[in-house]
Protein backbone atom coordinates (compact mmCIF):
# COMPACT_ATOMS: atom_id res chain seq x y z
CA MET A 1 -73.94 -151.32 63.07
CA ILE A 2 -76.47 -153.20 60.54
CA VAL A 3 -75.24 -151.93 56.93
CA ASP A 4 -77.07 -152.68 54.23
CA ASP A 5 -77.86 -150.87 51.13
CA ASN A 6 -82.08 -151.90 51.19
CA PRO A 7 -83.91 -149.31 53.61
CA ARG A 8 -86.86 -151.55 53.76
CA ASN A 9 -83.75 -154.83 54.97
CA LEU A 10 -82.49 -152.08 56.92
CA GLY A 11 -86.04 -151.50 58.80
CA LEU A 12 -86.56 -154.95 60.30
CA LEU A 13 -83.59 -155.97 61.37
CA SER A 14 -83.11 -152.68 63.17
CA ASP A 15 -86.88 -153.46 64.81
CA THR A 16 -86.13 -156.97 65.41
CA LEU A 17 -82.43 -156.30 67.39
CA THR A 18 -84.41 -153.04 69.43
CA GLY A 19 -87.37 -154.91 70.25
CA SER A 20 -85.13 -157.76 71.58
CA GLY A 21 -82.67 -154.46 73.81
CA PHE A 22 -79.96 -154.28 71.42
CA GLU A 23 -78.41 -150.44 70.62
CA VAL A 24 -78.80 -150.11 66.81
CA ALA A 25 -76.75 -147.63 64.42
CA VAL A 26 -77.64 -147.72 60.84
CA ALA A 27 -75.26 -147.35 57.38
CA VAL A 28 -76.74 -147.46 54.86
CA ASP A 29 -73.25 -147.73 52.26
CA GLY A 30 -69.65 -149.22 53.00
CA VAL A 31 -68.05 -145.86 53.08
CA ARG A 32 -70.39 -144.43 55.62
CA ALA A 33 -70.30 -147.91 58.06
CA ILE A 34 -66.43 -147.53 58.07
CA ARG A 35 -66.56 -143.96 59.69
CA LEU A 36 -69.25 -144.43 62.08
CA ALA A 37 -67.64 -148.47 62.80
CA LYS A 38 -64.45 -145.78 64.48
CA GLU A 39 -66.45 -143.00 65.69
CA GLY A 40 -68.94 -145.64 68.09
CA MET A 41 -66.38 -149.03 68.17
CA PRO A 42 -70.00 -150.98 68.18
CA ASP A 43 -69.91 -154.77 70.00
CA LEU A 44 -71.04 -156.23 66.53
CA ILE A 45 -71.44 -155.45 62.41
CA LEU A 46 -74.18 -157.28 60.50
CA LEU A 47 -72.45 -156.71 57.16
CA ASP A 48 -74.13 -156.92 53.19
CA VAL A 49 -72.17 -158.28 51.20
CA LYS A 50 -73.55 -156.79 48.05
CA MET A 51 -74.16 -153.41 48.29
CA ASP A 52 -73.98 -150.13 45.79
CA GLY A 53 -69.91 -148.47 46.54
CA ILE A 54 -67.59 -150.68 48.09
CA ASP A 55 -69.46 -153.76 48.37
CA GLY A 56 -69.44 -155.53 51.93
CA PHE A 57 -66.64 -157.74 50.59
CA GLU A 58 -64.36 -154.59 50.43
CA THR A 59 -65.48 -152.55 53.83
CA CYS A 60 -64.71 -156.17 55.97
CA ARG A 61 -61.29 -156.05 54.48
CA ARG A 62 -60.77 -152.04 55.04
CA LEU A 63 -62.60 -152.40 58.63
CA LYS A 64 -59.50 -155.41 58.89
CA GLY A 65 -56.76 -153.51 57.53
CA ASP A 66 -57.48 -150.85 60.15
CA PRO A 67 -56.12 -151.48 63.44
CA SER A 68 -59.09 -149.40 64.99
CA THR A 69 -61.78 -150.81 63.70
CA SER A 70 -59.68 -154.89 63.44
CA ALA A 71 -61.24 -156.75 66.12
CA ILE A 72 -64.94 -155.56 65.61
CA PRO A 73 -66.67 -158.89 64.50
CA VAL A 74 -68.15 -159.11 61.49
CA ILE A 75 -71.72 -161.40 60.22
CA PHE A 76 -71.95 -161.46 56.06
CA MET A 77 -75.41 -161.26 55.57
CA THR A 78 -76.16 -161.84 51.31
CA ALA A 79 -78.77 -164.04 48.71
CA SER A 80 -76.13 -165.09 46.89
CA THR A 81 -77.01 -168.53 45.36
CA ASP A 82 -72.92 -169.10 45.45
CA LEU A 83 -73.08 -169.58 48.92
CA SER A 84 -70.47 -171.55 49.71
CA SER A 85 -67.78 -169.09 47.96
CA ASP A 86 -69.02 -165.98 49.63
CA ARG A 87 -68.92 -167.58 52.69
CA VAL A 88 -64.98 -168.63 52.60
CA LYS A 89 -64.35 -165.02 51.18
CA GLY A 90 -65.93 -163.58 53.89
CA LEU A 91 -64.49 -166.23 56.12
CA ASN A 92 -61.17 -165.68 54.82
CA LEU A 93 -61.48 -161.54 55.09
CA GLY A 94 -62.16 -161.57 58.77
CA ALA A 95 -65.87 -162.34 59.25
CA VAL A 96 -67.20 -164.08 62.27
CA ASP A 97 -70.45 -166.29 61.06
CA TYR A 98 -72.50 -165.95 57.70
CA LEU A 99 -76.72 -165.62 57.12
CA ALA A 100 -77.88 -166.55 54.33
CA LYS A 101 -81.11 -164.69 52.98
CA PRO A 102 -84.13 -165.27 54.14
CA PHE A 103 -83.22 -165.41 57.65
CA LEU A 104 -85.43 -166.09 61.34
CA ASP A 105 -85.35 -163.30 64.25
CA GLU A 106 -84.89 -166.29 66.06
CA GLU A 107 -81.17 -167.38 63.95
CA LEU A 108 -80.23 -163.81 64.18
CA LEU A 109 -81.01 -163.04 67.57
CA ALA A 110 -78.89 -166.45 68.15
CA ARG A 111 -76.38 -165.69 66.97
CA VAL A 112 -76.42 -162.16 67.23
CA ARG A 113 -76.49 -162.33 71.39
CA VAL A 114 -73.22 -165.38 71.31
CA HIS A 115 -70.86 -162.41 68.83
CA THR A 116 -71.88 -159.84 70.98
CA LYS A 117 -71.22 -162.27 74.54
CA LEU A 118 -68.20 -162.88 73.18
CA ARG A 119 -66.74 -159.85 71.95
CA LYS A 120 -67.47 -158.88 75.16
CA LEU A 121 -65.36 -161.28 76.55
CA THR A 122 -62.72 -160.54 74.75
CA LYS A 123 -62.58 -156.69 75.60
CA SER A 124 -62.65 -158.29 79.37
CA LEU A 125 -60.22 -160.59 78.85
CA ALA A 126 -57.78 -158.14 76.78
CA ALA A 127 -57.90 -155.58 79.20
CA GLN A 128 -57.12 -158.57 81.84
CA VAL A 129 -54.25 -158.74 79.12
CA GLU A 130 -53.59 -154.73 79.56
CA GLU A 131 -53.73 -155.10 83.77
CA ARG A 132 -51.21 -158.61 83.81
CA LEU A 133 -48.66 -156.59 81.25
CA ALA A 134 -48.97 -153.48 83.27
CA ALA A 135 -48.55 -154.60 86.14
CA GLU A 136 -45.64 -156.67 85.56
CA SER A 137 -43.86 -154.58 83.86
CA ALA A 138 -44.36 -152.32 87.43
CA LEU A 139 -43.85 -155.77 89.23
CA GLN A 140 -40.33 -155.76 87.28
CA GLN A 141 -39.31 -152.09 87.95
CA LEU A 142 -40.56 -152.62 91.61
CA THR A 143 -37.95 -154.88 91.12
CA HIS A 144 -35.09 -153.40 89.82
CA ASP A 145 -36.35 -150.25 93.40
CA LEU A 146 -35.91 -153.69 95.52
CA GLU A 147 -32.70 -154.82 94.14
CA ARG A 148 -31.02 -151.38 93.81
CA ARG A 149 -32.72 -150.46 97.65
CA VAL A 150 -31.09 -153.83 99.33
CA ALA A 151 -28.09 -153.41 97.30
CA ASP A 152 -27.90 -149.44 98.95
CA ARG A 153 -29.67 -150.93 101.94
CA THR A 154 -26.68 -153.39 102.70
CA ALA A 155 -23.60 -151.10 101.99
CA GLN A 156 -25.36 -148.72 104.55
CA LEU A 157 -25.62 -151.91 106.99
CA GLU A 158 -22.22 -152.34 106.67
CA ARG A 159 -21.21 -149.02 106.97
CA ALA A 160 -22.98 -149.52 110.48
CA LEU A 161 -21.23 -152.05 111.47
CA ALA A 162 -17.70 -151.33 110.90
CA GLY A 163 -19.01 -147.61 112.79
CA LEU A 164 -20.49 -149.84 115.99
CA THR A 165 -17.75 -151.67 115.65
CA GLN A 166 -15.29 -149.22 116.45
CA ALA A 167 -17.88 -146.98 118.73
CA GLN A 168 -18.12 -150.63 121.01
CA ALA A 169 -14.09 -151.04 121.33
CA GLN A 170 -14.94 -147.00 121.89
CA MET A 171 -17.30 -147.68 124.30
CA ALA A 172 -15.39 -150.28 126.35
CA THR A 173 -12.96 -147.72 126.89
CA VAL A 174 -15.18 -145.20 128.12
CA ILE A 175 -16.69 -147.57 130.38
CA ARG A 176 -13.76 -149.16 131.74
CA ALA A 177 -12.52 -145.68 132.79
CA ALA A 178 -15.72 -145.33 134.56
CA GLN A 179 -15.64 -148.26 135.65
CA ALA A 180 -12.45 -148.11 137.23
CA VAL A 181 -13.35 -144.50 139.10
CA SER A 182 -17.01 -145.17 139.74
CA GLY A 183 -15.32 -146.11 143.16
CA GLU A 184 -13.09 -143.62 143.84
CA VAL A 185 -14.71 -141.14 145.45
CA VAL A 186 -11.18 -138.81 147.06
CA LEU A 187 -10.10 -136.39 144.37
CA ASP A 188 -6.01 -138.07 143.77
CA GLY A 189 -7.64 -141.13 143.78
CA VAL A 190 -9.51 -140.50 140.83
CA LEU A 191 -6.86 -138.13 139.10
CA ASP A 192 -4.86 -141.20 139.50
CA ARG A 193 -6.90 -143.66 137.36
CA LEU A 194 -7.71 -141.23 135.40
CA LEU A 195 -4.23 -140.78 133.66
CA ARG A 196 -3.03 -144.31 133.67
CA ILE A 197 -6.16 -145.30 131.80
CA THR A 198 -5.54 -142.05 129.00
CA LEU A 199 -1.86 -142.53 129.18
CA GLU A 200 -2.77 -145.99 128.32
CA HIS A 201 -5.24 -145.84 125.54
CA ALA A 202 -3.44 -142.05 123.80
CA SER A 203 -0.04 -144.46 123.84
CA ALA A 204 1.20 -141.51 124.90
CA GLN A 205 4.44 -140.05 126.55
CA ARG A 206 3.21 -137.79 128.61
CA CYS A 207 -0.40 -136.64 130.53
CA VAL A 208 -1.33 -133.89 132.46
CA LEU A 209 -4.59 -133.06 133.82
CA VAL A 210 -5.06 -129.24 134.13
CA LEU A 211 -8.01 -128.05 136.27
CA SER A 212 -10.40 -124.88 136.35
CA ARG A 213 -9.84 -123.32 139.66
CA ALA A 214 -11.47 -119.88 140.69
CA SER A 215 -7.93 -118.75 140.63
CA GLY A 216 -7.52 -119.74 136.73
CA LEU A 217 -5.85 -123.02 135.34
CA VAL A 218 -3.89 -125.69 137.85
CA VAL A 219 -1.60 -128.51 136.94
CA GLU A 220 -3.49 -130.52 139.39
CA ALA A 221 -1.53 -134.04 138.46
CA SER A 222 0.64 -135.83 135.76
CA ILE A 223 1.82 -139.08 134.99
CA THR A 224 4.99 -140.26 132.18
CA ARG A 225 6.09 -143.25 130.35
CA ASP A 226 8.96 -143.29 131.35
CA PRO A 227 10.01 -143.32 134.48
CA ASP A 228 5.90 -144.66 134.96
CA ALA A 229 5.51 -142.05 137.94
CA VAL A 230 2.38 -140.20 138.51
CA ARG A 231 2.32 -137.39 141.16
CA LEU A 232 -0.51 -135.87 142.52
CA GLY A 233 -1.48 -132.76 144.66
CA LEU A 234 1.02 -129.77 142.44
CA ALA A 235 -1.78 -127.32 142.21
CA THR A 236 0.72 -125.91 140.16
CA PRO A 237 -0.63 -122.49 137.96
CA VAL A 238 -0.68 -122.32 134.09
CA ARG A 239 2.37 -119.93 134.18
CA PRO A 240 4.69 -119.21 130.57
CA ASP A 241 7.47 -121.29 132.75
CA ALA A 242 5.13 -124.13 133.78
CA ASP A 243 5.99 -127.24 132.93
CA LEU A 244 4.01 -128.04 129.43
CA ALA A 245 2.72 -125.83 126.32
CA VAL A 246 0.98 -123.02 128.20
CA SER A 247 -0.42 -122.03 124.49
CA VAL A 248 -2.43 -125.46 124.08
CA VAL A 249 -3.98 -125.17 127.38
CA GLU A 250 -5.08 -122.14 126.80
CA GLU A 251 -6.88 -122.10 123.62
CA VAL A 252 -8.30 -124.89 124.13
CA ALA A 253 -9.63 -123.40 127.60
CA ARG A 254 -10.48 -120.70 125.67
CA THR A 255 -12.63 -122.32 122.46
CA ARG A 256 -13.48 -125.41 124.49
CA GLY A 257 -13.00 -127.65 121.09
CA PRO A 258 -9.41 -130.00 120.65
CA VAL A 259 -6.03 -128.88 119.73
CA PHE A 260 -3.53 -131.54 117.96
CA LEU A 261 -0.28 -130.86 117.06
CA GLY A 262 1.11 -133.07 115.29
CA ASP A 263 4.85 -131.75 114.92
CA THR A 264 5.44 -129.79 117.06
CA SER A 265 9.00 -128.76 115.26
CA ARG A 266 6.41 -127.72 112.59
CA GLU A 267 3.81 -125.45 114.78
CA ALA A 268 4.97 -121.91 114.32
CA ARG A 269 1.83 -120.71 116.70
CA LEU A 270 4.34 -122.41 119.85
CA GLY A 271 6.47 -119.41 119.10
CA SER A 272 9.46 -119.37 121.32
CA ALA A 273 7.84 -121.65 123.80
CA ARG A 274 10.20 -122.07 126.64
CA TYR A 275 8.97 -125.62 127.22
CA LEU A 276 9.35 -127.04 124.40
CA GLU A 277 13.91 -125.78 124.04
CA GLY A 278 15.95 -128.40 123.46
CA LYS A 279 13.79 -131.01 122.96
CA ALA A 280 12.74 -134.10 121.05
CA PRO A 281 9.68 -132.64 118.42
CA LEU A 282 6.52 -134.27 120.18
CA SER A 283 2.84 -134.48 119.27
CA ILE A 284 0.21 -132.91 121.58
CA LEU A 285 -3.25 -132.92 122.11
CA GLY A 286 -5.74 -131.16 124.40
CA LEU A 287 -9.20 -131.98 124.58
CA ALA A 288 -11.50 -130.02 127.02
CA MET A 289 -13.03 -131.67 130.15
CA MET A 290 -16.55 -130.40 129.71
CA CYS A 291 -19.74 -131.48 132.15
CA GLN A 292 -23.17 -129.59 131.65
CA GLY A 293 -21.82 -126.01 129.87
CA GLU A 294 -19.01 -125.71 132.29
CA LEU A 295 -14.92 -126.27 131.80
CA ILE A 296 -13.63 -128.37 134.76
CA GLY A 297 -10.12 -128.65 133.50
CA VAL A 298 -7.51 -129.63 130.10
CA LEU A 299 -6.47 -133.15 129.53
CA TYR A 300 -3.31 -132.62 127.58
CA ILE A 301 -1.92 -134.70 125.93
CA GLU A 302 2.43 -135.87 125.01
CA GLY A 303 3.27 -138.49 122.36
CA ASP A 304 6.02 -138.90 119.24
CA ALA A 305 5.46 -136.26 116.52
CA THR A 306 3.88 -137.50 113.68
CA PRO A 307 2.80 -136.58 110.69
CA GLU A 308 -0.87 -138.29 109.89
CA PRO A 309 -3.50 -136.37 111.36
CA LEU A 310 -6.10 -138.36 114.39
CA LEU A 311 -8.27 -140.30 112.84
CA PRO A 312 -11.87 -139.07 114.28
CA ALA A 313 -12.35 -142.49 115.85
CA GLN A 314 -9.54 -141.44 118.35
CA LEU A 315 -10.92 -138.29 118.24
CA GLU A 316 -13.33 -138.86 119.18
CA THR A 317 -13.26 -141.92 121.76
CA LEU A 318 -10.93 -139.95 123.53
CA GLY A 319 -13.30 -136.93 123.16
CA LEU A 320 -15.90 -138.90 125.54
CA LEU A 321 -12.73 -140.69 127.87
CA ALA A 322 -12.86 -136.49 128.42
CA SER A 323 -16.07 -135.96 129.76
CA GLN A 324 -15.31 -138.59 131.42
CA ALA A 325 -13.05 -137.75 133.51
CA ALA A 326 -15.10 -134.08 133.68
CA ILE A 327 -17.31 -136.21 135.33
CA ALA A 328 -15.54 -138.29 137.82
CA VAL A 329 -14.02 -135.24 138.40
CA LYS A 330 -16.53 -132.80 138.92
CA ASN A 331 -17.57 -135.38 141.24
CA ALA A 332 -14.67 -136.12 143.32
CA LEU A 333 -14.31 -132.24 143.79
CA LEU A 334 -18.50 -131.95 144.95
CA TYR A 335 -17.44 -134.81 147.56
CA ALA A 336 -14.27 -133.06 148.29
CA GLN A 337 -16.75 -130.12 148.65
CA GLN A 338 -19.36 -131.31 151.00
CA ALA A 339 -17.15 -133.66 153.31
CA GLU A 340 -16.06 -129.67 154.19
CA MET A 341 -18.94 -127.95 154.36
CA ALA A 342 -19.78 -131.75 156.20
CA SER A 343 -16.84 -131.14 158.84
CA ALA A 344 -18.08 -127.19 158.72
CA LEU A 345 -21.52 -128.30 160.06
CA ARG A 346 -20.65 -131.22 163.03
CA ARG A 347 -17.94 -128.37 163.97
CA SER A 348 -21.27 -125.57 163.85
CA ASN A 349 -23.30 -128.18 165.51
CA GLU A 350 -20.94 -128.73 168.48
CA ARG A 351 -20.83 -124.99 168.84
CA LEU A 352 -24.25 -125.07 168.63
CA GLU A 353 -25.06 -127.76 171.15
CA THR A 354 -22.41 -126.42 173.65
CA GLU A 355 -24.54 -122.46 173.55
CA VAL A 356 -28.25 -124.18 173.24
CA ALA A 357 -26.23 -126.38 177.18
CA ARG A 358 -25.49 -122.43 178.55
CA GLN A 359 -28.37 -120.91 177.61
CA THR A 360 -31.01 -123.46 178.28
CA GLU A 361 -29.48 -123.40 182.30
CA GLU A 362 -29.38 -119.38 181.85
CA LEU A 363 -33.40 -119.85 180.99
CA ARG A 364 -33.93 -122.98 183.06
CA ARG A 365 -32.64 -119.82 186.00
CA THR A 366 -34.74 -116.89 184.37
CA ASN A 367 -37.15 -119.59 184.60
CA GLU A 368 -37.04 -120.16 188.23
CA ARG A 369 -36.78 -116.48 189.00
CA LEU A 370 -39.56 -115.61 186.55
CA GLU A 371 -41.71 -118.25 188.15
CA MET A 372 -41.09 -117.26 192.17
CA GLU A 373 -42.16 -113.21 190.73
CA LEU A 374 -44.64 -114.43 188.99
CA ALA A 375 -46.17 -116.01 192.45
CA GLU A 376 -45.43 -113.06 193.73
CA ARG A 377 -46.75 -110.73 191.10
CA ALA A 378 -50.31 -113.01 191.95
CA ARG A 379 -50.10 -113.39 196.44
CA ALA A 380 -49.85 -109.72 195.61
CA GLU A 381 -53.38 -110.10 192.98
CA GLU A 382 -55.17 -111.87 195.40
CA ALA A 383 -54.38 -109.41 198.41
CA ARG A 384 -55.01 -106.04 196.15
CA ALA A 385 -58.39 -108.77 194.90
CA ALA A 386 -59.55 -108.18 198.35
CA LEU A 387 -58.92 -104.93 199.51
CA GLN A 388 -60.96 -103.73 195.46
CA ALA A 389 -63.81 -106.26 196.74
CA GLU A 390 -63.40 -104.80 200.35
CA ILE A 391 -63.40 -100.80 198.67
CA ILE A 392 -66.32 -102.04 196.22
CA GLN A 393 -67.77 -103.07 199.26
CA ALA A 394 -68.27 -99.74 201.98
CA GLN A 395 -68.50 -97.74 198.33
CA ASP A 396 -71.10 -99.57 198.11
CA ALA A 397 -72.78 -98.91 201.58
CA ARG A 398 -72.40 -95.54 201.36
CA LEU A 399 -73.88 -95.15 197.91
CA ALA A 400 -76.65 -97.22 199.71
CA GLU A 401 -76.61 -94.58 202.83
CA LEU A 402 -76.32 -91.55 200.15
CA SER A 403 -79.19 -92.85 198.48
CA THR A 404 -80.85 -93.46 200.98
CA PRO A 405 -80.24 -90.96 203.78
CA LEU A 406 -82.12 -91.37 206.71
CA ILE A 407 -81.70 -87.92 208.74
CA PRO A 408 -82.65 -87.05 212.65
CA ILE A 409 -83.98 -84.22 213.44
CA THR A 410 -85.17 -84.58 217.45
CA ASP A 411 -84.94 -87.74 219.15
CA HIS A 412 -88.12 -88.72 218.05
CA ILE A 413 -88.03 -87.50 214.62
CA MET A 414 -86.23 -88.86 211.26
CA VAL A 415 -86.21 -87.63 207.55
CA MET A 416 -85.41 -89.40 204.57
CA PRO A 417 -85.56 -86.89 201.04
CA LEU A 418 -86.08 -89.29 197.48
CA ILE A 419 -84.21 -88.02 195.55
CA GLY A 420 -84.27 -88.74 191.07
CA THR A 421 -85.57 -91.83 189.88
CA ILE A 422 -87.06 -94.32 192.10
CA ASP A 423 -87.06 -98.15 190.89
CA SER A 424 -87.90 -101.37 192.85
CA THR A 425 -83.80 -102.19 194.23
CA ARG A 426 -83.94 -98.51 195.58
CA ALA A 427 -87.45 -98.22 197.41
CA GLN A 428 -85.74 -101.76 199.05
CA GLN A 429 -82.83 -99.92 200.65
CA ALA A 430 -84.92 -96.81 201.22
CA LEU A 431 -87.57 -99.71 203.71
CA GLU A 432 -84.48 -100.63 205.18
CA ALA A 433 -83.12 -97.85 205.44
CA ALA A 434 -86.07 -96.96 207.86
CA LEU A 435 -86.39 -99.59 209.44
CA ASN A 436 -82.57 -99.51 211.03
CA GLY A 437 -83.33 -96.28 211.75
CA VAL A 438 -86.06 -96.54 213.30
CA GLN A 439 -85.12 -99.46 215.18
CA ALA A 440 -81.28 -98.18 215.92
CA ASN A 441 -83.48 -94.60 217.20
CA ARG A 442 -86.31 -95.33 218.79
CA ALA A 443 -88.13 -93.03 216.50
CA GLN A 444 -91.65 -92.15 216.70
CA VAL A 445 -92.47 -90.69 213.78
CA VAL A 446 -90.30 -91.05 210.06
CA ILE A 447 -90.58 -88.42 206.75
CA LEU A 448 -90.44 -89.50 203.53
CA ASP A 449 -90.13 -86.70 201.64
CA VAL A 450 -90.31 -87.17 197.72
CA THR A 451 -90.30 -82.86 196.96
CA GLY A 452 -87.32 -84.26 194.16
CA VAL A 453 -88.68 -87.85 192.83
CA THR A 454 -89.10 -87.54 189.22
CA VAL A 455 -90.45 -91.25 188.24
CA LEU A 456 -92.91 -93.49 190.23
CA ASP A 457 -94.56 -96.43 189.32
CA SER A 458 -96.99 -98.98 191.08
CA GLU A 459 -94.38 -101.76 192.41
CA VAL A 460 -92.11 -98.25 193.66
CA ALA A 461 -95.36 -97.03 195.49
CA SER A 462 -96.35 -100.08 196.58
CA THR A 463 -92.29 -100.48 198.99
CA LEU A 464 -93.47 -97.06 200.61
CA MET A 465 -96.80 -98.29 201.37
CA SER A 466 -95.17 -101.50 202.42
CA THR A 467 -91.98 -99.28 204.08
CA ALA A 468 -94.88 -97.15 206.02
CA ALA A 469 -96.99 -100.48 206.96
CA ALA A 470 -93.30 -102.07 209.20
CA LEU A 471 -92.97 -98.98 210.64
CA ARG A 472 -96.18 -98.71 211.89
CA LEU A 473 -95.42 -102.79 213.11
CA LEU A 474 -92.20 -100.74 214.80
CA GLY A 475 -94.67 -97.88 216.81
CA ALA A 476 -92.70 -95.43 214.53
CA ARG A 477 -96.13 -93.08 212.42
CA THR A 478 -95.20 -92.33 208.63
CA VAL A 479 -95.91 -89.00 206.82
CA ILE A 480 -95.24 -88.80 203.38
CA THR A 481 -94.09 -84.85 202.51
CA GLY A 482 -93.29 -83.50 198.92
CA ILE A 483 -96.22 -84.57 196.94
CA ARG A 484 -96.91 -82.86 194.00
CA ALA A 485 -99.63 -82.31 191.51
CA GLU A 486 -98.02 -85.06 188.84
CA LEU A 487 -97.07 -87.56 191.35
CA ALA A 488 -100.39 -87.20 192.96
CA GLN A 489 -102.04 -88.44 189.72
CA THR A 490 -99.74 -90.98 189.38
CA LEU A 491 -100.67 -92.62 192.50
CA ILE A 492 -104.37 -92.13 191.65
CA ASP A 493 -104.01 -93.56 188.08
CA LEU A 494 -102.18 -96.78 189.99
CA GLY A 495 -104.44 -97.44 192.56
CA VAL A 496 -102.17 -96.88 195.14
CA ASP A 497 -104.01 -96.92 199.11
CA LEU A 498 -102.94 -93.75 200.92
CA GLY A 499 -105.05 -94.27 203.49
CA ALA A 500 -102.81 -95.43 205.66
CA VAL A 501 -99.77 -92.73 205.55
CA VAL A 502 -100.34 -88.71 206.52
CA THR A 503 -99.16 -86.65 203.45
CA LYS A 504 -98.78 -83.15 203.53
CA GLY A 505 -97.58 -80.91 200.71
CA THR A 506 -94.21 -79.59 201.78
CA LEU A 507 -91.27 -80.87 203.94
CA LYS A 508 -92.31 -77.84 205.97
CA SER A 509 -95.40 -78.71 206.91
CA GLY A 510 -94.91 -81.85 207.63
CA ILE A 511 -92.14 -81.29 210.45
CA GLY A 512 -94.15 -79.40 211.54
CA TYR A 513 -96.90 -81.74 211.60
CA ALA A 514 -94.25 -84.59 213.56
CA LEU A 515 -93.75 -81.38 216.09
CA LYS A 516 -96.89 -82.05 217.20
CA GLN A 517 -96.84 -85.51 217.32
CA ALA A 518 -94.22 -86.22 218.76
CA GLY A 519 -94.57 -83.29 221.93
CA ASP A 520 -90.83 -82.39 220.98
CA GLY A 521 -89.37 -79.09 220.80
CA ALA A 522 -87.49 -76.83 217.94
CA PRO A 523 -85.52 -79.81 215.96
CA ARG A 524 -82.05 -79.97 216.22
CA LEU A 525 -79.24 -78.61 213.20
């Protein structure tokens, strides 16, 4: 920013600086210069010493006295002859340099470039200092937070270590119980080991193991410290007169949760329990033996009366022990059930093998009878097939005879009436029947009556002509009777040569012709 009350000087300085790439603001007096400095915060102020109103020295004093503008560098410009005195006064007020008028443009630009660069470096350094201070403050806060978190974490780790130590002791007990029963699959062996471990860990005087059966709760086993005795296979139903606090067992079975009584003499909910009558005060703990949501039984523990409740860690360990006991007992029960099923299956297999052997022998005898029956049936079937073949053959011969009948009407004349459709097979049968009949009866005339023939083709007509030729070779004449107009037309169309045979319109005329040729009398009837 340029501050000068001479418009000509303002114009020259402004042109010189803008021509060198600087952005320039101008003020013609000190008051306006102070206002513009606060608003625009220029990087450098070129301030004339001699001005109307407040002079340059007062303007500089006010700028340096204001924290918002105190860091802006100021270069004084003066044409005063007392240069040394003005320079000292200006530097004391906070100016960074002094230019004596008149001055060269190169000198002005050089000093402006130096001080604007210093201004930018100063601002950058200030920003870095602020960032460093902010970073140091954040680091201090972070260090404080970290120390607090480390302290909290240390306390958590100490508590976790104490809990881990306690859990390790609990787990050691449970692992020992698991190892103790891992080699046992028989129920009595499992119950014996579980009761001894529970009695030792709980520092109890007596332990009872109650199982949940289909019939209800049953006392299965018990152990006492004095005397050291284990009783197994009791199978005693839990009734009001049972040898334990029945209400505790029933409550555990109902709620599936633990029940602890520190002093039985102070527990009103026990009422008039028969078992506790005349006994010294006791502490009683009942634990549900659960496995996969199923109640396996109740672990009942008696000890000396105590006014203190069980610690959570003790209760948790005993709860884990009860869970391990539930798993072991359930496995033993499953093993016993499996063994019983295996025994039943073995007996069933033995019965099945005996029944299979019996039925196999019976099946063998049945198969033998069936094979004999099948062989007999096969022979009967063969005989039936042979008889059926003979019948079919006789039927075929009879049908052939009926389809081509050869009727002798005299000793020398035979008539073969043909009816229906004549195909090649039937024509061949007619040929054979005529030849056999002539040969057997030594007939002289054979009459082929085609009055009833409906269809006749060239092959059949050729067969008929062949029949006539064959009969002629045997010494017999052939007479064809009953040729109708349409049949005659068919023969003509087929080109059949009828010159070698005699044709008559009716069977009667044919028989008359045959009688004359054979010289016979009236035909036989």
